[in-house]
């Protein structure tokens, strides 16, 4: 099954088309089972019992004893098990007692999110199993903004068992990743507009900017910059503009009127 899945990715997913398969590693996988290395989880030196009070909020479970928690401070994962998996629990506890497992080595150069093709496919392989619909696909013929692409994906639904499934909207982190990407792109665009309209600030070096901050001379520059990011939702300049708009409405139309009722008619 693992071999079939990898071959399917190589054939259908552009992000996997260039990889070379390690058939020795594939043949070493246990038949219809999970490799022992995957069952091991990373933990600190504190025992599972001592960390029982700091478990992550994972929602309702049928039996709390059927969940093994990881106490790593960087991330929290859980492994649901049932009565037939007692051997796996014993294996995990045995490996935990032997010390933590090392994370895979990371490269020193992060991916450039603005020029890396199929970045969303690599980040969310379950959402883009074949790379289709990836908003970071450079081969898209029409010039569509990232915001419009994400809006389409959030509304995208598939019918399964007579029920509409919104896989992008229901994903726990895709919306946050998309919002972050959209806002950073908007900030870069506004930065380009600022530099074109304020040529005097184009040649400021990093040291000159730090000196301005140290001497409290950066207020004028910050005021100019804030005007160019008012369309970035959630920024300080955005909320300041909303506040000023609200004050303008009140000055023009008068203060708002609120009506409260405390009658509980449904209780009569």
Protein backbone atom coordinates (compact mmCIF):
# COMPACT_ATOMS: atom_id res chain seq x y z
CA UNK A 1 0.00 0.00 0.00
CA UNK A 2 2.84 2.40 0.84
CA UNK A 3 4.54 1.59 -2.45
CA UNK A 4 1.32 2.21 -4.38
CA UNK A 5 0.80 5.55 -2.63
CA UNK A 6 4.33 6.74 -3.36
CA UNK A 7 4.17 5.65 -7.00
CA UNK A 8 0.85 7.49 -7.34
CA UNK A 9 2.41 10.67 -5.93
CA UNK A 10 5.39 10.42 -8.29
CA UNK A 11 3.03 10.03 -11.24
CA UNK A 12 0.39 12.60 -10.30
CA UNK A 13 1.97 15.13 -7.93
CA UNK A 14 4.51 17.53 -9.48
CA UNK A 15 6.26 18.02 -6.13
CA UNK A 16 7.17 14.31 -6.06
CA UNK A 17 7.93 13.79 -9.74
CA UNK A 18 11.70 14.18 -9.32
CA UNK A 19 12.28 11.93 -6.29
CA UNK A 20 14.11 8.62 -6.49
CA UNK A 21 12.49 5.71 -4.69
CA UNK A 22 14.49 3.73 -2.15
CA UNK A 23 13.24 0.22 -2.84
CA UNK A 24 15.42 -1.23 -0.07
CA UNK A 25 13.59 0.96 2.45
CA UNK A 26 10.22 0.03 0.92
CA UNK A 27 10.97 -3.69 1.11
CA UNK A 28 12.06 -3.36 4.72
CA UNK A 29 8.62 -2.09 5.80
CA UNK A 30 6.58 -4.64 7.75
CA UNK A 31 3.65 -6.16 5.89
CA UNK A 32 0.29 -4.73 7.02
CA UNK A 33 1.89 -3.13 10.07
CA UNK A 34 3.45 0.10 11.29
CA UNK A 35 7.26 0.49 11.58
CA UNK A 36 8.45 0.55 15.16
CA UNK A 37 10.24 3.85 14.63
CA UNK A 38 6.96 5.65 13.84
CA UNK A 39 5.40 4.43 17.07
CA UNK A 40 8.09 6.19 19.12
CA UNK A 41 7.28 9.68 20.31
CA UNK A 42 9.51 12.47 21.51
CA UNK A 43 9.28 13.53 25.13
CA UNK A 44 11.32 15.27 27.81
CA UNK A 45 12.88 13.67 30.88
CA UNK A 46 9.69 14.09 32.89
CA UNK A 47 7.59 10.96 33.18
CA UNK A 48 4.17 10.69 31.57
CA UNK A 49 2.56 10.53 34.99
CA UNK A 50 4.10 13.83 36.11
CA UNK A 51 2.86 15.55 32.95
CA UNK A 52 -0.69 14.23 33.18
CA UNK A 53 -1.92 17.59 34.47
CA UNK A 54 -0.58 19.51 31.46
CA UNK A 55 -2.25 17.55 28.70
CA UNK A 56 -3.40 19.38 25.58
CA UNK A 57 -7.04 20.08 24.97
CA UNK A 58 -7.96 17.45 22.37
CA UNK A 59 -11.71 17.54 22.72
CA UNK A 60 -13.96 14.76 24.00
CA UNK A 61 -12.63 11.20 23.98
CA UNK A 62 -14.43 8.07 24.94
CA UNK A 63 -11.79 6.92 27.42
CA UNK A 64 -8.96 9.11 28.59
CA UNK A 65 -6.80 6.07 29.35
CA UNK A 66 -6.83 5.23 25.64
CA UNK A 67 -4.72 8.28 24.75
CA UNK A 68 -0.97 8.56 25.11
CA UNK A 69 0.17 12.18 25.28
CA UNK A 70 3.44 13.73 24.26
CA UNK A 71 4.82 16.28 26.71
CA UNK A 72 7.17 18.01 24.29
CA UNK A 73 6.93 21.76 24.81
CA UNK A 74 7.19 22.64 21.12
CA UNK A 75 4.25 20.64 19.89
CA UNK A 76 1.63 18.29 21.27
CA UNK A 77 0.55 15.14 19.57
CA UNK A 78 -1.62 12.27 20.66
CA UNK A 79 -1.84 8.66 19.64
CA UNK A 80 -5.31 7.12 20.06
CA UNK A 81 -5.20 3.43 20.90
CA UNK A 82 -7.67 0.73 21.82
CA UNK A 83 -7.62 -2.48 23.84
CA UNK A 84 -6.00 -4.45 21.04
CA UNK A 85 -2.97 -2.13 20.92
CA UNK A 86 -1.53 -2.73 24.38
CA UNK A 87 1.70 -3.95 22.85
CA UNK A 88 2.12 -0.63 21.06
CA UNK A 89 1.59 1.25 24.34
CA UNK A 90 4.25 -0.87 26.02
CA UNK A 91 6.63 -0.26 23.13
CA UNK A 92 6.10 3.51 23.29
CA UNK A 93 6.67 3.63 27.05
CA UNK A 94 9.80 1.54 26.68
CA UNK A 95 11.22 3.92 24.06
CA UNK A 96 10.25 6.98 26.08
CA UNK A 97 12.19 5.65 29.05
CA UNK A 98 15.28 5.30 26.86
CA UNK A 99 15.35 9.01 26.02
CA UNK A 100 13.98 11.31 23.32
CA UNK A 101 14.34 10.68 19.61
CA UNK A 102 16.12 13.32 17.56
CA UNK A 103 14.21 15.38 15.01
CA UNK A 104 15.28 15.04 11.35
CA UNK A 105 17.97 17.45 10.26
CA UNK A 106 16.75 20.76 8.85
CA UNK A 107 18.41 22.74 6.10
CA UNK A 108 19.89 26.17 6.72
CA UNK A 109 18.05 27.81 3.83
CA UNK A 110 14.26 28.07 4.23
CA UNK A 111 12.06 27.90 1.16
CA UNK A 112 11.22 31.22 -0.45
CA UNK A 113 7.44 31.32 -0.20
CA UNK A 114 7.17 33.87 -3.01
CA UNK A 115 9.02 31.97 -5.75
CA UNK A 116 8.77 28.29 -4.72
CA UNK A 117 6.33 26.53 -7.08
CA UNK A 118 3.68 24.27 -5.55
CA UNK A 119 4.47 25.46 -2.04
CA UNK A 120 0.90 24.76 -0.87
CA UNK A 121 1.09 21.22 -2.26
CA UNK A 122 4.22 20.53 -0.24
CA UNK A 123 2.81 22.16 2.89
CA UNK A 124 -0.63 20.50 2.66
CA UNK A 125 -0.25 17.20 0.75
CA UNK A 126 -3.64 15.94 1.96
CA UNK A 127 -5.41 18.99 0.50
CA UNK A 128 -3.54 18.93 -2.84
CA UNK A 129 -2.74 15.22 -3.42
CA UNK A 130 -2.18 15.76 -7.15
CA UNK A 131 -1.16 19.43 -7.08
CA UNK A 132 -4.37 20.57 -8.79
CA UNK A 133 -5.85 23.80 -7.47
CA UNK A 134 -2.59 24.86 -5.83
CA UNK A 135 -2.68 28.69 -5.54
CA UNK A 136 1.13 28.77 -5.76
CA UNK A 137 1.20 26.98 -9.12
CA UNK A 138 3.20 29.32 -11.45
CA UNK A 139 1.61 27.78 -14.56
CA UNK A 140 -1.84 29.31 -13.95
CA UNK A 141 -2.75 31.12 -17.15
CA UNK A 142 -5.12 33.74 -15.75
CA UNK A 143 -3.77 36.53 -13.57
CA UNK A 144 -5.79 35.95 -10.40
CA UNK A 145 -4.83 37.39 -7.03
CA UNK A 146 -3.91 35.06 -4.20
CA UNK A 147 -6.87 36.38 -2.22
CA UNK A 148 -9.33 35.33 -4.92
CA UNK A 149 -7.70 31.91 -5.23
CA UNK A 150 -8.00 31.30 -1.50
CA UNK A 151 -11.61 32.51 -1.50
CA UNK A 152 -12.43 29.93 -4.18
CA UNK A 153 -10.72 27.13 -2.23
CA UNK A 154 -12.50 27.99 1.02
CA UNK A 155 -15.86 27.70 -0.78
CA UNK A 156 -14.86 24.52 -2.63
CA UNK A 157 -16.89 21.47 -1.55
CA UNK A 158 -17.09 17.80 -2.50
CA UNK A 159 -20.14 15.61 -2.02
CA UNK A 160 -19.48 12.38 -0.18
CA UNK A 161 -22.17 10.08 1.20
CA UNK A 162 -24.79 12.75 0.42
CA UNK A 163 -22.91 15.27 2.53
CA UNK A 164 -20.93 18.30 1.36
CA UNK A 165 -17.34 18.27 2.60
CA UNK A 166 -15.39 21.57 2.71
CA UNK A 167 -11.87 20.20 3.04
CA UNK A 168 -10.08 23.55 2.83
CA UNK A 169 -12.43 25.41 5.18
CA UNK A 170 -12.39 22.54 7.67
CA UNK A 171 -8.61 22.16 7.74
CA UNK A 172 -7.24 23.31 11.13
CA UNK A 173 -4.35 25.40 9.78
CA UNK A 174 -4.87 26.11 6.06
CA UNK A 175 -6.95 29.27 6.65
CA UNK A 176 -4.32 30.74 8.97
CA UNK A 177 -1.52 29.96 6.51
CA UNK A 178 -3.51 31.54 3.68
CA UNK A 179 -4.32 34.68 5.71
CA UNK A 180 -0.66 35.10 6.64
CA UNK A 181 0.41 34.74 3.00
CA UNK A 182 -2.20 37.24 1.79
CA UNK A 183 -1.28 39.86 4.40
CA UNK A 184 2.46 39.58 3.77
CA UNK A 185 1.93 39.98 0.03
CA UNK A 186 -0.25 43.03 0.65
CA UNK A 187 2.42 44.56 2.89
CA UNK A 188 5.08 44.05 0.21
CA UNK A 189 2.84 45.68 -2.38
CA UNK A 190 2.17 48.65 -0.10
CA UNK A 191 5.89 48.92 0.60
CA UNK A 192 6.57 49.26 -3.12
CA UNK A 193 3.95 52.04 -3.39
CA UNK A 194 5.46 53.82 -0.37
CA UNK A 195 8.97 53.77 -1.84
CA UNK A 196 7.74 55.10 -5.19
CA UNK A 197 5.91 58.00 -3.56
CA UNK A 198 8.57 58.73 -0.92
CA UNK A 199 11.86 58.60 -2.77
CA UNK A 200 13.67 60.35 0.08
CA UNK A 201 13.33 57.22 2.25
CA UNK A 202 14.49 54.76 -0.43
CA UNK A 203 18.16 54.99 0.40
CA UNK A 204 17.94 54.69 4.18
CA UNK A 205 20.21 51.93 5.43
CA UNK A 206 19.36 49.62 8.31
CA UNK A 207 21.84 51.42 10.56
CA UNK A 208 20.28 54.80 9.72
CA UNK A 209 16.85 53.48 10.59
CA UNK A 210 18.10 52.12 13.90
CA UNK A 211 19.70 55.47 14.66
CA UNK A 212 16.39 57.21 13.94
CA UNK A 213 14.64 54.92 16.41
CA UNK A 214 17.31 55.42 19.08
CA UNK A 215 17.05 59.21 18.72
CA UNK A 216 13.23 59.19 18.68
CA UNK A 217 13.26 60.64 15.16
CA UNK A 218 11.29 57.81 13.58
CA UNK A 219 7.81 59.12 14.41
CA UNK A 220 7.45 60.99 11.11
CA UNK A 221 8.56 57.96 9.11
CA UNK A 222 6.25 55.65 11.06
CA UNK A 223 3.33 58.01 10.48
CA UNK A 224 3.98 57.89 6.75
CA UNK A 225 4.29 54.12 6.78
CA UNK A 226 1.08 53.61 8.75
CA UNK A 227 -0.93 55.35 6.03
CA UNK A 228 0.08 52.68 3.54
CA UNK A 229 -1.02 49.65 5.56
CA UNK A 230 -4.53 50.74 6.50
CA UNK A 231 -5.92 48.09 4.13
CA UNK A 232 -4.08 45.28 5.98
CA UNK A 233 -6.80 43.76 8.15
CA UNK A 234 -5.81 43.52 11.81
CA UNK A 235 -2.94 46.01 11.70
CA UNK A 236 -2.79 48.98 14.07
CA UNK A 237 -3.28 51.38 11.17
CA UNK A 238 -6.33 49.41 10.03
CA UNK A 239 -8.05 49.67 13.41
CA UNK A 240 -7.05 53.33 13.79
CA UNK A 241 -8.75 54.11 10.48
CA UNK A 242 -11.86 52.17 11.55
CA UNK A 243 -11.95 54.17 14.78
CA UNK A 244 -11.69 57.46 12.90
CA UNK A 245 -14.41 56.33 10.48
CA UNK A 246 -16.70 55.52 13.41
CA UNK A 247 -16.00 58.88 15.01
CA UNK A 248 -16.83 60.60 11.72
CA UNK A 249 -20.15 58.75 11.49
CA UNK A 250 -21.05 59.76 15.05
CA UNK A 251 -20.19 63.41 14.39
CA UNK A 252 -22.33 63.42 11.25
CA UNK A 253 -25.30 61.30 12.34
CA UNK A 254 -25.13 61.78 16.09
CA UNK A 255 -24.36 59.27 18.83
CA UNK A 256 -25.87 55.80 18.49
CA UNK A 257 -28.89 54.75 20.52
CA UNK A 258 -29.03 51.43 22.32
CA UNK A 259 -32.23 49.74 23.47
CA UNK A 260 -32.19 47.05 26.14
CA UNK A 261 -35.08 44.91 27.27
CA UNK A 262 -34.97 42.63 30.27
CA UNK A 263 -38.42 41.08 29.91
CA UNK A 264 -38.33 37.31 29.77
CA UNK A 265 -41.50 36.68 27.78
CA UNK A 266 -40.56 33.07 27.13
CA UNK A 267 -40.64 32.39 30.87
CA UNK A 268 -44.26 33.52 31.46
